[in-house]
PDB file of N, CA and C in Angstrom:
ATOM      1  N   MET A   1      -0.014  50.355 -54.853  1.00  0.00           N
ATOM      2  CA  MET A   1      -1.379  49.734 -54.114  1.00  0.00           C
ATOM      3  C   MET A   1      -2.551  49.849 -55.146  1.00  0.00           C
ATOM      4  N   ILE A   2      -3.104  48.891 -54.889  1.00  0.00           N
ATOM      5  CA  ILE A   2      -4.688  49.279 -55.553  1.00  0.00           C
ATOM      6  C   ILE A   2      -5.813  50.524 -54.881  1.00  0.00           C
ATOM      7  N   SER A   3      -6.304  51.209 -55.648  1.00  0.00           N
ATOM      8  CA  SER A   3      -7.315  52.301 -55.134  1.00  0.00           C
ATOM      9  C   SER A   3      -8.622  51.330 -54.869  1.00  0.00           C
ATOM     10  N   ARG A   4      -9.300  52.078 -53.887  1.00  0.00           N
ATOM     11  CA  ARG A   4     -10.728  51.679 -53.450  1.00  0.00           C
ATOM     12  C   ARG A   4     -11.864  51.426 -54.463  1.00  0.00           C
ATOM     13  N   GLU A   5     -11.491  52.492 -55.522  1.00  0.00           N
ATOM     14  CA  GLU A   5     -12.259  52.574 -56.584  1.00  0.00           C
ATOM     15  C   GLU A   5     -11.966  51.459 -57.573  1.00  0.00           C
ATOM     16  N   ILE A   6     -10.726  50.868 -58.183  1.00  0.00           N
ATOM     17  CA  ILE A   6     -10.486  50.262 -58.544  1.00  0.00           C
ATOM     18  C   ILE A   6     -10.654  49.040 -58.184  1.00  0.00           C
ATOM     19  N   LEU A   7     -10.768  48.639 -56.793  1.00  0.00           N
ATOM     20  CA  LEU A   7     -11.380  47.594 -56.526  1.00  0.00           C
ATOM     21  C   LEU A   7     -12.840  47.418 -56.317  1.00  0.00           C
ATOM     22  N   LYS A   8     -13.536  48.364 -56.136  1.00  0.00           N
ATOM     23  CA  LYS A   8     -15.090  48.599 -56.158  1.00  0.00           C
ATOM     24  C   LYS A   8     -15.340  48.107 -57.552  1.00  0.00           C
ATOM     25  N   THR A   9     -14.626  48.577 -58.822  1.00  0.00           N
ATOM     26  CA  THR A   9     -14.902  48.366 -60.282  1.00  0.00           C
ATOM     27  C   THR A   9     -14.719  46.974 -60.397  1.00  0.00           C
ATOM     28  N   ALA A  10     -13.699  46.123 -59.820  1.00  0.00           N
ATOM     29  CA  ALA A  10     -13.564  44.775 -59.862  1.00  0.00           C
ATOM     30  C   ALA A  10     -14.687  44.085 -59.399  1.00  0.00           C
ATOM     31  N   ILE A  11     -14.872  44.256 -57.937  1.00  0.00           N
ATOM     32  CA  ILE A  11     -15.957  43.694 -57.473  1.00  0.00           C
ATOM     33  C   ILE A  11     -17.108  43.411 -58.524  1.00  0.00           C
ATOM     34  N   ASP A  12     -17.303  44.813 -58.857  1.00  0.00           N
ATOM     35  CA  ASP A  12     -18.492  44.534 -59.898  1.00  0.00           C
ATOM     36  C   ASP A  12     -18.750  44.120 -60.969  1.00  0.00           C
ATOM     37  N   THR A  13     -17.506  43.452 -61.408  1.00  0.00           N
ATOM     38  CA  THR A  13     -17.590  42.611 -62.375  1.00  0.00           C
ATOM     39  C   THR A  13     -18.073  41.427 -62.408  1.00  0.00           C
ATOM     40  N   ILE A  14     -17.353  40.563 -61.384  1.00  0.00           N
ATOM     41  CA  ILE A  14     -17.444  39.315 -60.699  1.00  0.00           C
ATOM     42  C   ILE A  14     -18.789  38.589 -60.166  1.00  0.00           C
ATOM     43  N   ASP A  15     -18.621  37.518 -60.835  1.00  0.00           N
ATOM     44  CA  ASP A  15     -20.000  36.676 -61.075  1.00  0.00           C
ATOM     45  C   ASP A  15     -20.427  36.471 -59.230  1.00  0.00           C
ATOM     46  N   ASP A  16     -21.402  35.678 -58.861  1.00  0.00           N
ATOM     47  CA  ASP A  16     -21.968  35.549 -57.503  1.00  0.00           C
ATOM     48  C   ASP A  16     -21.041  34.550 -57.013  1.00  0.00           C
ATOM     49  N   THR A  17     -20.754  34.071 -57.424  1.00  0.00           N
ATOM     50  CA  THR A  17     -20.072  32.598 -56.544  1.00  0.00           C
ATOM     51  C   THR A  17     -18.645  33.162 -56.438  1.00  0.00           C
ATOM     52  N   GLN A  18     -18.116  33.979 -57.117  1.00  0.00           N
ATOM     53  CA  GLN A  18     -16.544  34.731 -56.930  1.00  0.00           C
ATOM     54  C   GLN A  18     -17.116  35.550 -55.860  1.00  0.00           C
ATOM     55  N   LEU A  19     -17.784  36.022 -55.699  1.00  0.00           N
ATOM     56  CA  LEU A  19     -17.804  37.201 -54.476  1.00  0.00           C
ATOM     57  C   LEU A  19     -18.789  36.378 -53.603  1.00  0.00           C
ATOM     58  N   GLU A  20     -19.137  35.535 -53.551  1.00  0.00           N
ATOM     59  CA  GLU A  20     -19.393  35.335 -52.295  1.00  0.00           C
ATOM     60  C   GLU A  20     -18.254  34.186 -51.540  1.00  0.00           C
ATOM     61  N   ILE A  21     -17.095  33.846 -52.172  1.00  0.00           N
ATOM     62  CA  ILE A  21     -15.822  33.681 -51.905  1.00  0.00           C
ATOM     63  C   ILE A  21     -15.076  34.951 -51.451  1.00  0.00           C
ATOM     64  N   LEU A  22     -15.320  36.190 -52.174  1.00  0.00           N
ATOM     65  CA  LEU A  22     -14.296  37.133 -51.591  1.00  0.00           C
ATOM     66  C   LEU A  22     -15.135  37.779 -50.253  1.00  0.00           C
ATOM     67  N   HIS A  23     -15.828  37.219 -50.363  1.00  0.00           N
ATOM     68  CA  HIS A  23     -16.946  37.378 -48.884  1.00  0.00           C
ATOM     69  C   HIS A  23     -16.404  36.936 -47.771  1.00  0.00           C
ATOM     70  N   HIS A  24     -16.026  35.561 -48.337  1.00  0.00           N
ATOM     71  CA  HIS A  24     -15.359  34.699 -47.088  1.00  0.00           C
ATOM     72  C   HIS A  24     -13.826  34.856 -46.701  1.00  0.00           C
ATOM     73  N   ILE A  25     -13.322  34.880 -47.744  1.00  0.00           N
ATOM     74  CA  ILE A  25     -11.892  35.721 -47.910  1.00  0.00           C
ATOM     75  C   ILE A  25     -11.567  37.237 -46.726  1.00  0.00           C
ATOM     76  N   ILE A  26     -12.545  38.126 -47.101  1.00  0.00           N
ATOM     77  CA  ILE A  26     -12.501  39.421 -46.264  1.00  0.00           C
ATOM     78  C   ILE A  26     -12.928  38.934 -44.981  1.00  0.00           C
ATOM     79  N   LEU A  27     -14.034  38.178 -44.169  1.00  0.00           N
ATOM     80  CA  LEU A  27     -14.409  37.587 -43.212  1.00  0.00           C
ATOM     81  C   LEU A  27     -13.242  37.178 -42.851  1.00  0.00           C
ATOM     82  N   ALA A  28     -12.689  36.095 -43.065  1.00  0.00           N
ATOM     83  CA  ALA A  28     -11.330  35.445 -42.622  1.00  0.00           C
ATOM     84  C   ALA A  28     -10.440  36.109 -42.043  1.00  0.00           C
ATOM     85  N   PHE A  29      -9.861  37.492 -42.986  1.00  0.00           N
ATOM     86  CA  PHE A  29      -8.556  38.481 -43.178  1.00  0.00           C
ATOM     87  C   PHE A  29      -8.996  39.554 -41.484  1.00  0.00           C
ATOM     88  N   SER A  30     -10.576  39.454 -41.317  1.00  0.00           N
ATOM     89  CA  SER A  30     -10.889  40.884 -40.566  1.00  0.00           C
ATOM     90  C   SER A  30     -10.893  40.027 -39.106  1.00  0.00           C
ATOM     91  N   LYS A  31     -10.586  39.146 -38.856  1.00  0.00           N
ATOM     92  CA  LYS A  31     -10.716  38.393 -37.515  1.00  0.00           C
ATOM     93  C   LYS A  31      -9.418  38.783 -36.883  1.00  0.00           C
ATOM     94  N   PRO A  32      -9.311  38.579 -35.205  1.00  0.00           N
ATOM     95  CA  PRO A  32      -8.612  38.948 -35.131  1.00  0.00           C
ATOM     96  C   PRO A  32      -7.469  37.990 -34.591  1.00  0.00           C
ATOM     97  N   ILE A  33      -6.262  38.214 -35.303  1.00  0.00           N
ATOM     98  CA  ILE A  33      -4.932  36.898 -34.956  1.00  0.00           C
ATOM     99  C   ILE A  33      -4.520  36.652 -33.847  1.00  0.00           C
ATOM    100  N   PRO A  34      -4.983  35.260 -32.916  1.00  0.00           N
ATOM    101  CA  PRO A  34      -4.217  34.761 -31.873  1.00  0.00           C
ATOM    102  C   PRO A  34      -3.089  35.133 -31.493  1.00  0.00           C
ATOM    103  N   HIS A  35      -2.463  35.699 -30.235  1.00  0.00           N
ATOM    104  CA  HIS A  35      -1.145  35.721 -30.215  1.00  0.00           C
ATOM    105  C   HIS A  35      -0.483  34.739 -28.756  1.00  0.00           C
ATOM    106  N   THR A  36      -1.768  33.419 -28.480  1.00  0.00           N
ATOM    107  CA  THR A  36      -1.024  32.753 -27.659  1.00  0.00           C
ATOM    108  C   THR A  36      -0.876  31.452 -28.478  1.00  0.00           C
ATOM    109  N   VAL A  37       0.135  30.279 -28.285  1.00  0.00           N
ATOM    110  CA  VAL A  37       0.364  29.117 -28.895  1.00  0.00           C
ATOM    111  C   VAL A  37      -0.639  28.298 -28.246  1.00  0.00           C
ATOM    112  N   ASN A  38      -1.520  27.061 -28.840  1.00  0.00           N
ATOM    113  CA  ASN A  38      -1.792  26.391 -28.143  1.00  0.00           C
ATOM    114  C   ASN A  38      -1.161  24.981 -27.794  1.00  0.00           C
ATOM    115  N   HIS A  39      -0.412  25.079 -26.243  1.00  0.00           N
ATOM    116  CA  HIS A  39       0.163  23.895 -26.176  1.00  0.00           C
ATOM    117  C   HIS A  39      -0.255  22.571 -26.580  1.00  0.00           C
ATOM    118  N   SER A  40      -1.551  22.255 -26.321  1.00  0.00           N
ATOM    119  CA  SER A  40      -1.945  20.831 -26.721  1.00  0.00           C
ATOM    120  C   SER A  40      -1.299  20.546 -28.118  1.00  0.00           C
ATOM    121  N   LEU A  41      -1.424  21.430 -28.951  1.00  0.00           N
ATOM    122  CA  LEU A  41      -1.191  20.823 -30.441  1.00  0.00           C
ATOM    123  C   LEU A  41       0.436  20.859 -30.674  1.00  0.00           C
ATOM    124  N   SER A  42       1.339  21.684 -29.936  1.00  0.00           N
ATOM    125  CA  SER A  42       2.869  21.875 -30.178  1.00  0.00           C
ATOM    126  C   SER A  42       3.169  20.574 -29.316  1.00  0.00           C
ATOM    127  N   GLU A  43       2.306  19.882 -28.612  1.00  0.00           N
ATOM    128  CA  GLU A  43       3.097  18.917 -27.920  1.00  0.00           C
ATOM    129  C   GLU A  43       2.680  17.492 -28.699  1.00  0.00           C
ATOM    130  N   ASN A  44       2.121  17.195 -29.809  1.00  0.00           N
ATOM    131  CA  ASN A  44       1.879  16.915 -30.521  1.00  0.00           C
ATOM    132  C   ASN A  44       2.323  17.048 -31.975  1.00  0.00           C
ATOM    133  N   ILE A  45       3.531  17.633 -31.980  1.00  0.00           N
ATOM    134  CA  ILE A  45       4.484  17.937 -33.480  1.00  0.00           C
ATOM    135  C   ILE A  45       4.790  16.255 -33.769  1.00  0.00           C
ATOM    136  N   ASN A  46       5.335  15.799 -33.189  1.00  0.00           N
ATOM    137  CA  ASN A  46       5.752  13.811 -33.644  1.00  0.00           C
ATOM    138  C   ASN A  46       5.150  13.147 -33.012  1.00  0.00           C
ATOM    139  N   PRO A  47       3.823  13.009 -33.114  1.00  0.00           N
ATOM    140  CA  PRO A  47       3.105  11.876 -32.877  1.00  0.00           C
ATOM    141  C   PRO A  47       3.293  10.512 -33.246  1.00  0.00           C
ATOM    142  N   LEU A  48       3.890  10.231 -34.316  1.00  0.00           N
ATOM    143  CA  LEU A  48       4.701   8.751 -34.513  1.00  0.00           C
ATOM    144  C   LEU A  48       5.819   8.484 -33.006  1.00  0.00           C
ATOM    145  N   LYS A  49       6.807   9.183 -32.309  1.00  0.00           N
ATOM    146  CA  LYS A  49       8.207   9.651 -31.962  1.00  0.00           C
ATOM    147  C   LYS A  49       7.529   7.869 -30.743  1.00  0.00           C
ATOM    148  N   ASP A  50       8.821   7.019 -31.169  1.00  0.00           N
ATOM    149  CA  ASP A  50       8.702   5.749 -30.653  1.00  0.00           C
ATOM    150  C   ASP A  50       7.662   5.333 -30.617  1.00  0.00           C
ATOM    151  N   SER A  51       7.203   4.828 -31.693  1.00  0.00           N
ATOM    152  CA  SER A  51       6.312   4.112 -32.162  1.00  0.00           C
ATOM    153  C   SER A  51       6.633   2.769 -32.828  1.00  0.00           C
ATOM    154  N   ILE A  52       7.893   3.051 -33.281  1.00  0.00           N
ATOM    155  CA  ILE A  52       8.504   1.951 -34.122  1.00  0.00           C
ATOM    156  C   ILE A  52      10.086   1.538 -33.194  1.00  0.00           C
ATOM    157  N   VAL A  53       9.900   0.263 -33.576  1.00  0.00           N
ATOM    158  CA  VAL A  53      11.082   0.064 -32.944  1.00  0.00           C
ATOM    159  C   VAL A  53      12.137  -0.605 -34.277  1.00  0.00           C
ATOM    160  N   PHE A  54      13.675   0.188 -34.143  1.00  0.00           N
ATOM    161  CA  PHE A  54      14.374  -0.219 -35.105  1.00  0.00           C
ATOM    162  C   PHE A  54      15.197  -1.409 -35.020  1.00  0.00           C
ATOM    163  N   GLU A  55      15.126  -2.490 -35.753  1.00  0.00           N
ATOM    164  CA  GLU A  55      16.473  -3.755 -34.967  1.00  0.00           C
ATOM    165  C   GLU A  55      17.077  -3.874 -36.615  1.00  0.00           C
ATOM    166  N   ASN A  56      18.436  -4.018 -36.283  1.00  0.00           N
ATOM    167  CA  ASN A  56      19.147  -4.515 -37.668  1.00  0.00           C
ATOM    168  C   ASN A  56      19.096  -3.460 -38.534  1.00  0.00           C
ATOM    169  N   ASP A  57      19.260  -4.068 -39.798  1.00  0.00           N
ATOM    170  CA  ASP A  57      19.103  -3.242 -41.326  1.00  0.00           C
ATOM    171  C   ASP A  57      17.427  -3.133 -41.412  1.00  0.00           C
ATOM    172  N   ILE A  58      16.632  -1.832 -41.297  1.00  0.00           N
ATOM    173  CA  ILE A  58      15.370  -1.843 -41.762  1.00  0.00           C
ATOM    174  C   ILE A  58      14.965  -1.966 -43.414  1.00  0.00           C
ATOM    175  N   ILE A  59      15.986  -2.385 -44.175  1.00  0.00           N
ATOM    176  CA  ILE A  59      15.594  -2.170 -45.825  1.00  0.00           C
ATOM    177  C   ILE A  59      15.542  -3.592 -45.677  1.00  0.00           C
ATOM    178  N   SER A  60      16.317  -4.403 -44.950  1.00  0.00           N
ATOM    179  CA  SER A  60      16.247  -6.127 -45.651  1.00  0.00           C
ATOM    180  C   SER A  60      14.974  -6.832 -45.477  1.00  0.00           C
ATOM    181  N   PRO A  61      15.047  -7.609 -46.221  1.00  0.00           N
ATOM    182  CA  PRO A  61      13.723  -8.328 -46.243  1.00  0.00           C
ATOM    183  C   PRO A  61      13.781  -8.848 -45.238  1.00  0.00           C
ATOM    184  N   ILE A  62      12.413  -9.843 -44.164  1.00  0.00           N
ATOM    185  CA  ILE A  62      12.100 -10.288 -43.099  1.00  0.00           C
ATOM    186  C   ILE A  62      12.799 -11.866 -43.406  1.00  0.00           C
ATOM    187  N   ASP A  63      13.672 -12.233 -42.266  1.00  0.00           N
ATOM    188  CA  ASP A  63      13.646 -13.822 -42.381  1.00  0.00           C
ATOM    189  C   ASP A  63      14.831 -13.735 -43.320  1.00  0.00           C
ATOM    190  N   LEU A  64      15.417 -12.918 -43.879  1.00  0.00           N
ATOM    191  CA  LEU A  64      16.589 -13.096 -45.120  1.00  0.00           C
ATOM    192  C   LEU A  64      17.893 -12.438 -45.286  1.00  0.00           C
ATOM    193  N   LEU A  65      18.760 -13.002 -45.022  1.00  0.00           N
ATOM    194  CA  LEU A  65      20.004 -12.433 -44.900  1.00  0.00           C
ATOM    195  C   LEU A  65      20.360 -11.342 -46.734  1.00  0.00           C
ATOM    196  N   TRP A  66      20.720 -10.175 -46.700  1.00  0.00           N
ATOM    197  CA  TRP A  66      20.555  -9.127 -47.547  1.00  0.00           C
ATOM    198  C   TRP A  66      22.339  -8.578 -47.927  1.00  0.00           C
ATOM    199  N   LYS A  67      22.858  -8.667 -48.687  1.00  0.00           N
ATOM    200  CA  LYS A  67      23.605  -8.063 -48.879  1.00  0.00           C
ATOM    201  C   LYS A  67      24.188  -7.368 -49.920  1.00  0.00           C
ATOM    202  N   ALA A  68      24.109  -6.059 -49.824  1.00  0.00           N
ATOM    203  CA  ALA A  68      23.909  -4.617 -50.559  1.00  0.00           C
ATOM    204  C   ALA A  68      25.325  -4.861 -51.586  1.00  0.00           C
ATOM    205  N   GLU A  69      25.944  -5.680 -51.851  1.00  0.00           N
ATOM    206  CA  GLU A  69      26.541  -5.731 -52.445  1.00  0.00           C
ATOM    207  C   GLU A  69      26.674  -6.329 -53.669  1.00  0.00           C
ATOM    208  N   GLN A  70      25.806  -7.129 -53.667  1.00  0.00           N
ATOM    209  CA  GLN A  70      25.523  -8.134 -54.931  1.00  0.00           C
ATOM    210  C   GLN A  70      24.439  -7.424 -55.891  1.00  0.00           C
TER     211      GLN A  70
END
């Protein structure tokens, strides 16, 4: 595990853009992790279900007979 002193030294050597990104990462990790499941999202796991009707061979060209062995 990295020591605080090594981490502080590494932070002192990065530029302002990287420091801003690091700050956002630290803020994201400092937020509490929610323990509830959003049920509205879990209901939409398969939003395309039942939106397509399969009839006969789905890879055949429309209005043409097609034989796979040819």
